[in-house]
C-alpha atoms as a PDB file:
ATOM      1  CA  MET A   1      29.084  10.096  13.803  1.00  0.00           C
ATOM      2  CA  ALA A   2      26.458   7.420  13.051  1.00  0.00           C
ATOM      3  CA  ARG A   3      23.180   8.439  11.787  1.00  0.00           C
ATOM      4  CA  GLU A   4      20.048   7.634  13.924  1.00  0.00           C
ATOM      5  CA  ARG A   5      18.102   5.008  12.212  1.00  0.00           C
ATOM      6  CA  GLU A   6      15.072   6.438  10.315  1.00  0.00           C
ATOM      7  CA  ARG A   7      11.560   4.787  11.348  1.00  0.00           C
ATOM      8  CA  ILE A   8       9.113   4.168   8.481  1.00  0.00           C
ATOM      9  CA  VAL A   9       5.923   2.703   8.463  1.00  0.00           C
ATOM     10  CA  VAL A  10       4.543   1.459   5.043  1.00  0.00           C
ATOM     11  CA  GLY A  11       0.784   0.418   4.260  1.00  0.00           C
ATOM     12  CA  ALA A  12       1.028  -2.201   2.051  1.00  0.00           C
ATOM     13  CA  ASP A  13      -2.183  -3.572  -0.180  1.00  0.00           C
ATOM     14  CA  PHE A  14      -0.400  -5.186  -3.056  1.00  0.00           C
ATOM     15  CA  SER A  15      -2.120  -2.885  -5.610  1.00  0.00           C
ATOM     16  CA  PRO A  16      -0.411  -0.855  -8.047  1.00  0.00           C
ATOM     17  CA  ALA A  17      -0.609   2.387  -5.691  1.00  0.00           C
ATOM     18  CA  GLY A  18       0.752   0.129  -2.867  1.00  0.00           C
ATOM     19  CA  ASP A  19       3.599  -1.026  -5.042  1.00  0.00           C
ATOM     20  CA  ALA A  20       4.238   2.832  -6.100  1.00  0.00           C
ATOM     21  CA  ALA A  21       4.360   3.453  -2.254  1.00  0.00           C
ATOM     22  CA  LEU A  22       7.053   0.828  -2.019  1.00  0.00           C
ATOM     23  CA  GLY A  23       8.969   1.888  -4.851  1.00  0.00           C
ATOM     24  CA  ARG A  24       9.013   5.571  -3.683  1.00  0.00           C
ATOM     25  CA  VAL A  25      10.412   4.005  -0.020  1.00  0.00           C
ATOM     26  CA  GLU A  26      13.240   2.497  -1.949  1.00  0.00           C
ATOM     27  CA  THR A  27      14.028   5.820  -3.884  1.00  0.00           C
ATOM     28  CA  LEU A  28      13.955   7.763  -0.354  1.00  0.00           C
ATOM     29  CA  CYS A  29      15.910   5.540   1.502  1.00  0.00           C
ATOM     30  CA  GLY A  30      18.648   4.394  -1.067  1.00  0.00           C
ATOM     31  CA  ARG A  31      20.827   1.711  -0.478  1.00  0.00           C
ATOM     32  CA  GLY A  32      22.988   1.308   2.671  1.00  0.00           C
ATOM     33  CA  ALA A  33      20.641   3.771   4.455  1.00  0.00           C
ATOM     34  CA  PRO A  34      20.303   3.059   8.341  1.00  0.00           C
ATOM     35  CA  VAL A  35      16.483   2.632   8.168  1.00  0.00           C
ATOM     36  CA  ARG A  36      13.845   0.425   9.862  1.00  0.00           C
ATOM     37  CA  ILE A  37      10.786  -0.201   7.664  1.00  0.00           C
ATOM     38  CA  ASP A  38       7.651  -1.519   9.335  1.00  0.00           C
ATOM     39  CA  LEU A  39       5.612  -3.147   6.264  1.00  0.00           C
ATOM     40  CA  ALA A  40       2.049  -3.446   7.466  1.00  0.00           C
ATOM     41  CA  TYR A  41      -0.925  -5.062   5.569  1.00  0.00           C
ATOM     42  CA  VAL A  42      -4.264  -4.887   7.520  1.00  0.00           C
ATOM     43  CA  VAL A  43      -7.257  -7.246   7.253  1.00  0.00           C
ATOM     44  CA  ALA A  44     -10.361  -5.023   7.484  1.00  0.00           C
ATOM     45  CA  PRO A  45     -13.214  -6.706   9.325  1.00  0.00           C
ATOM     46  CA  LEU A  46     -16.429  -7.392   7.382  1.00  0.00           C
ATOM     47  CA  ASP A  47     -19.356  -4.579   7.782  1.00  0.00           C
ATOM     48  CA  VAL A  48     -22.067  -6.846   7.509  1.00  0.00           C
ATOM     49  CA  PRO A  49     -21.269 -10.505   7.212  1.00  0.00           C
ATOM     50  CA  SER A  50     -23.292 -12.180   4.940  1.00  0.00           C
ATOM     51  CA  ALA A  51     -24.568 -16.057   5.472  1.00  0.00           C
ATOM     52  CA  PHE A  52     -21.779 -16.930   2.708  1.00  0.00           C
ATOM     53  CA  ASP A  53     -18.929 -15.006   4.683  1.00  0.00           C
ATOM     54  CA  LEU A  54     -20.115 -16.922   7.682  1.00  0.00           C
ATOM     55  CA  ALA A  55     -20.225 -20.246   6.161  1.00  0.00           C
ATOM     56  CA  ASP A  56     -16.819 -19.848   4.548  1.00  0.00           C
ATOM     57  CA  ALA A  57     -14.522 -19.259   7.351  1.00  0.00           C
ATOM     58  CA  GLY A  58     -11.596 -20.774   5.368  1.00  0.00           C
ATOM     59  CA  HIS A  59     -11.609 -17.954   2.854  1.00  0.00           C
ATOM     60  CA  GLU A  60     -10.435 -15.634   5.349  1.00  0.00           C
ATOM     61  CA  GLN A  61      -7.508 -17.780   6.501  1.00  0.00           C
ATOM     62  CA  ALA A  62      -6.716 -18.279   2.835  1.00  0.00           C
ATOM     63  CA  HIS A  63      -6.537 -14.528   2.471  1.00  0.00           C
ATOM     64  CA  GLU A  64      -4.470 -13.920   5.509  1.00  0.00           C
ATOM     65  CA  ARG A  65      -1.872 -16.699   4.221  1.00  0.00           C
ATOM     66  CA  ALA A  66      -1.679 -14.765   0.859  1.00  0.00           C
ATOM     67  CA  ALA A  67      -1.137 -11.837   2.652  1.00  0.00           C
ATOM     68  CA  ALA A  68       1.538 -12.983   4.755  1.00  0.00           C
ATOM     69  CA  ALA A  69       3.302 -14.439   1.829  1.00  0.00           C
ATOM     70  CA  ALA A  70       2.948 -11.181  -0.127  1.00  0.00           C
ATOM     71  CA  LEU A  71       4.376  -9.258   2.699  1.00  0.00           C
ATOM     72  CA  ALA A  72       7.128 -11.671   2.992  1.00  0.00           C
ATOM     73  CA  THR A  73       8.188 -11.303  -0.504  1.00  0.00           C
ATOM     74  CA  ALA A  74       7.881  -7.471  -0.447  1.00  0.00           C
ATOM     75  CA  ALA A  75      10.035  -7.384   2.813  1.00  0.00           C
ATOM     76  CA  ALA A  76      12.567  -9.574   0.873  1.00  0.00           C
ATOM     77  CA  ARG A  77      12.521  -7.143  -1.898  1.00  0.00           C
ATOM     78  CA  LEU A  78      13.139  -4.109   0.110  1.00  0.00           C
ATOM     79  CA  ARG A  79      15.868  -5.940   2.212  1.00  0.00           C
ATOM     80  CA  ARG A  80      17.729  -6.721  -1.089  1.00  0.00           C
ATOM     81  CA  ARG A  81      17.288  -3.508  -2.519  1.00  0.00           C
ATOM     82  CA  LEU A  82      18.255  -1.443   0.473  1.00  0.00           C
ATOM     83  CA  GLY A  83      21.166  -3.631   1.613  1.00  0.00           C
ATOM     84  CA  ALA A  84      22.701  -4.370   5.080  1.00  0.00           C
ATOM     85  CA  PRO A  85      21.674  -1.651   7.373  1.00  0.00           C
ATOM     86  CA  ALA A  86      18.157  -1.606   6.493  1.00  0.00           C
ATOM     87  CA  ARG A  87      15.849  -3.461   8.776  1.00  0.00           C
ATOM     88  CA  VAL A  88      12.434  -4.672   7.392  1.00  0.00           C
ATOM     89  CA  PHE A  89       9.629  -6.065   9.677  1.00  0.00           C
ATOM     90  CA  THR A  90       6.352  -7.431   8.636  1.00  0.00           C
ATOM     91  CA  HIS A  91       2.924  -6.825  10.389  1.00  0.00           C
ATOM     92  CA  LEU A  92      -0.225  -8.440   9.706  1.00  0.00           C
ATOM     93  CA  LEU A  93      -2.969  -6.497  11.387  1.00  0.00           C
ATOM     94  CA  HIS A  94      -6.862  -6.533  12.073  1.00  0.00           C
ATOM     95  CA  GLY A  95      -9.149  -3.725  12.140  1.00  0.00           C
ATOM     96  CA  ALA A  96      -9.592  -0.587  10.275  1.00  0.00           C
ATOM     97  CA  PRO A  97      -6.473   0.179   8.003  1.00  0.00           C
ATOM     98  CA  TRP A  98      -6.125   3.919   8.938  1.00  0.00           C
ATOM     99  CA  VAL A  99      -6.427   3.237  12.915  1.00  0.00           C
ATOM    100  CA  GLU A 100      -4.030   0.082  12.723  1.00  0.00           C
ATOM    101  CA  ILE A 101      -1.510   1.915  10.129  1.00  0.00           C
ATOM    102  CA  CYS A 102      -1.512   4.739  12.621  1.00  0.00           C
ATOM    103  CA  ALA A 103      -1.334   2.928  16.081  1.00  0.00           C
ATOM    104  CA  LEU A 104       1.749   0.828  14.424  1.00  0.00           C
ATOM    105  CA  ALA A 105       3.441   4.331  13.699  1.00  0.00           C
ATOM    106  CA  THR A 106       2.849   5.402  17.256  1.00  0.00           C
ATOM    107  CA  ARG A 107       4.189   2.101  18.905  1.00  0.00           C
ATOM    108  CA  ARG A 108       7.328   1.918  16.566  1.00  0.00           C
ATOM    109  CA  GLY A 109       7.934   5.897  16.940  1.00  0.00           C
ATOM    110  CA  ALA A 110       7.720   6.232  13.231  1.00  0.00           C
ATOM    111  CA  SER A 111       9.036   9.624  11.639  1.00  0.00           C
ATOM    112  CA  LEU A 112       7.109   8.846   8.391  1.00  0.00           C
ATOM    113  CA  ILE A 113       4.083   6.852   7.103  1.00  0.00           C
ATOM    114  CA  VAL A 114       4.155   6.114   3.450  1.00  0.00           C
ATOM    115  CA  VAL A 115       0.755   4.811   1.788  1.00  0.00           C
ATOM    116  CA  GLY A 116      -0.531   4.703  -1.854  1.00  0.00           C
ATOM    117  CA  ARG A 117      -3.511   6.562  -2.961  1.00  0.00           C
ATOM    118  CA  HIS A 118      -6.321   4.907  -4.984  1.00  0.00           C
ATOM    119  CA  ALA A 119      -8.861   7.679  -5.465  1.00  0.00           C
ATOM    120  CA  HIS A 120      -9.640   8.940  -8.845  1.00  0.00           C
ATOM    121  CA  PRO A 121      -9.463  12.709  -9.171  1.00  0.00           C
ATOM    122  CA  GLY A 122     -12.764  14.250  -9.015  1.00  0.00           C
ATOM    123  CA  THR A 123     -14.463  11.587  -7.160  1.00  0.00           C
ATOM    124  CA  ALA A 124     -16.196  12.083  -3.678  1.00  0.00           C
ATOM    125  CA  GLN A 125     -13.323   9.559  -2.391  1.00  0.00           C
ATOM    126  CA  THR A 126     -10.840  12.223  -3.008  1.00  0.00           C
ATOM    127  CA  LEU A 127     -12.386  14.432  -0.158  1.00  0.00           C
ATOM    128  CA  ILE A 128     -13.398  11.710   2.354  1.00  0.00           C
ATOM    129  CA  GLY A 129     -13.442   8.202   2.991  1.00  0.00           C
ATOM    130  CA  SER A 130     -10.073   6.723   1.657  1.00  0.00           C
ATOM    131  CA  VAL A 131      -7.615   5.198   3.626  1.00  0.00           C
ATOM    132  CA  ALA A 132      -4.895   7.650   2.696  1.00  0.00           C
ATOM    133  CA  ASP A 133      -6.950  10.519   3.725  1.00  0.00           C
ATOM    134  CA  ARG A 134      -7.772   9.221   7.125  1.00  0.00           C
ATOM    135  CA  VAL A 135      -4.205   8.182   7.757  1.00  0.00           C
ATOM    136  CA  VAL A 136      -3.255  11.725   7.074  1.00  0.00           C
ATOM    137  CA  ARG A 137      -5.953  12.965   9.584  1.00  0.00           C
ATOM    138  CA  LEU A 138      -5.037  10.587  12.465  1.00  0.00           C
ATOM    139  CA  ALA A 139      -1.267  10.061  11.829  1.00  0.00           C
ATOM    140  CA  PRO A 140       1.200  10.890  14.806  1.00  0.00           C
ATOM    141  CA  CYS A 141       3.962  11.727  12.270  1.00  0.00           C
ATOM    142  CA  ALA A 142       4.608  12.953   8.702  1.00  0.00           C
ATOM    143  CA  VAL A 143       2.545  11.119   6.078  1.00  0.00           C
ATOM    144  CA  LEU A 144       3.634  10.657   2.340  1.00  0.00           C
ATOM    145  CA  VAL A 145       0.793   9.847   0.016  1.00  0.00           C
ATOM    146  CA  VAL A 146       2.137   8.340  -3.159  1.00  0.00           C
ATOM    147  CA  PRO A 147      -0.329   8.587  -6.052  1.00  0.00           C
ATOM    148  CA  ARG A 148      -1.109   5.432  -8.030  1.00  0.00           C
ATOM    149  CA  PRO A 149       1.000   5.227 -11.024  1.00  0.00           C
ATOM    150  CA  ALA A 150      -0.742   6.649 -14.474  1.00  0.00           C
ATOM    151  CA  PRO A 151      -2.129   3.935 -16.749  1.00  0.00           C
ATOM    152  CA  ALA A 152       0.570   3.180 -19.680  1.00  0.00           C
ATOM    153  CA  PRO A 153      -0.194   4.955 -22.755  1.00  0.00           C
ATOM    154  CA  SER A 154      -1.953   2.703 -25.052  1.00  0.00           C
ATOM    155  CA  SER A 155      -0.563   2.065 -28.473  1.00  0.00           C
ATOM    156  CA  PRO A 156      -1.978   4.340 -31.244  1.00  0.00           C
ATOM    157  CA  ARG A 157      -4.543   2.513 -33.372  1.00  0.00           C
ATOM    158  CA  THR A 158      -5.740   3.738 -36.537  1.00  0.00           C
ATOM    159  CA  ARG A 159      -9.525   3.643 -37.024  1.00  0.00           C
ATOM    160  CA  THR A 160     -11.818   3.570 -39.828  1.00  0.00           C
ATOM    161  CA  ARG A 161     -15.254   3.259 -40.594  1.00  0.00           C
ATOM    162  CA  THR A 162     -16.814   0.240 -42.589  1.00  0.00           C
ATOM    163  CA  ARG A 163     -20.005   0.355 -44.636  1.00  0.00           C
ATOM    164  CA  GLY A 164     -22.175  -0.665 -41.712  1.00  0.00           C
ATOM    165  CA  GLY A 165     -20.885   2.111 -39.481  1.00  0.00           C
ATOM    166  CA  ARG A 166     -18.892  -0.122 -37.253  1.00  0.00           C
ATOM    167  CA  ARG A 167     -15.434   1.094 -36.412  1.00  0.00           C
ATOM    168  CA  ARG A 168     -12.614  -1.469 -36.864  1.00  0.00           C
ATOM    169  CA  ALA A 169      -8.968  -1.265 -35.908  1.00  0.00           C
END
């Protein structure tokens, strides 16, 4: 009996947290899974356009071209790692990221939304305001919020004091 194709929407922003979300999708699905992945990047509108922003309309177009290229690269990587039955589609959307991600999930009949989380523990953004938090509140389906990767441990350094009181490595 053939398995039904799983539908997953992934909010991409090409940050370390966004890359962790893509990695988690690869792990969840595994190679050869019959899955449909809708990979979305949302271009958020400027809240208050400045004179510089209005004068530099080419900046937004360059941003969109870079985002489209990054989406294509991420989609190719997912297709390569997940194998033939997986289908990956890209979406360059405009608007509030949480609204557009949830709307895409509704349109595609997604069973899961995967987003990365940027907030630092203990900040106000942990409670309100982040895209991930708003997606959780508005989502038409289950949401997996993937924490940003922990920073790599730094190499141990020996510190000594010099005569002037300064430290040196």
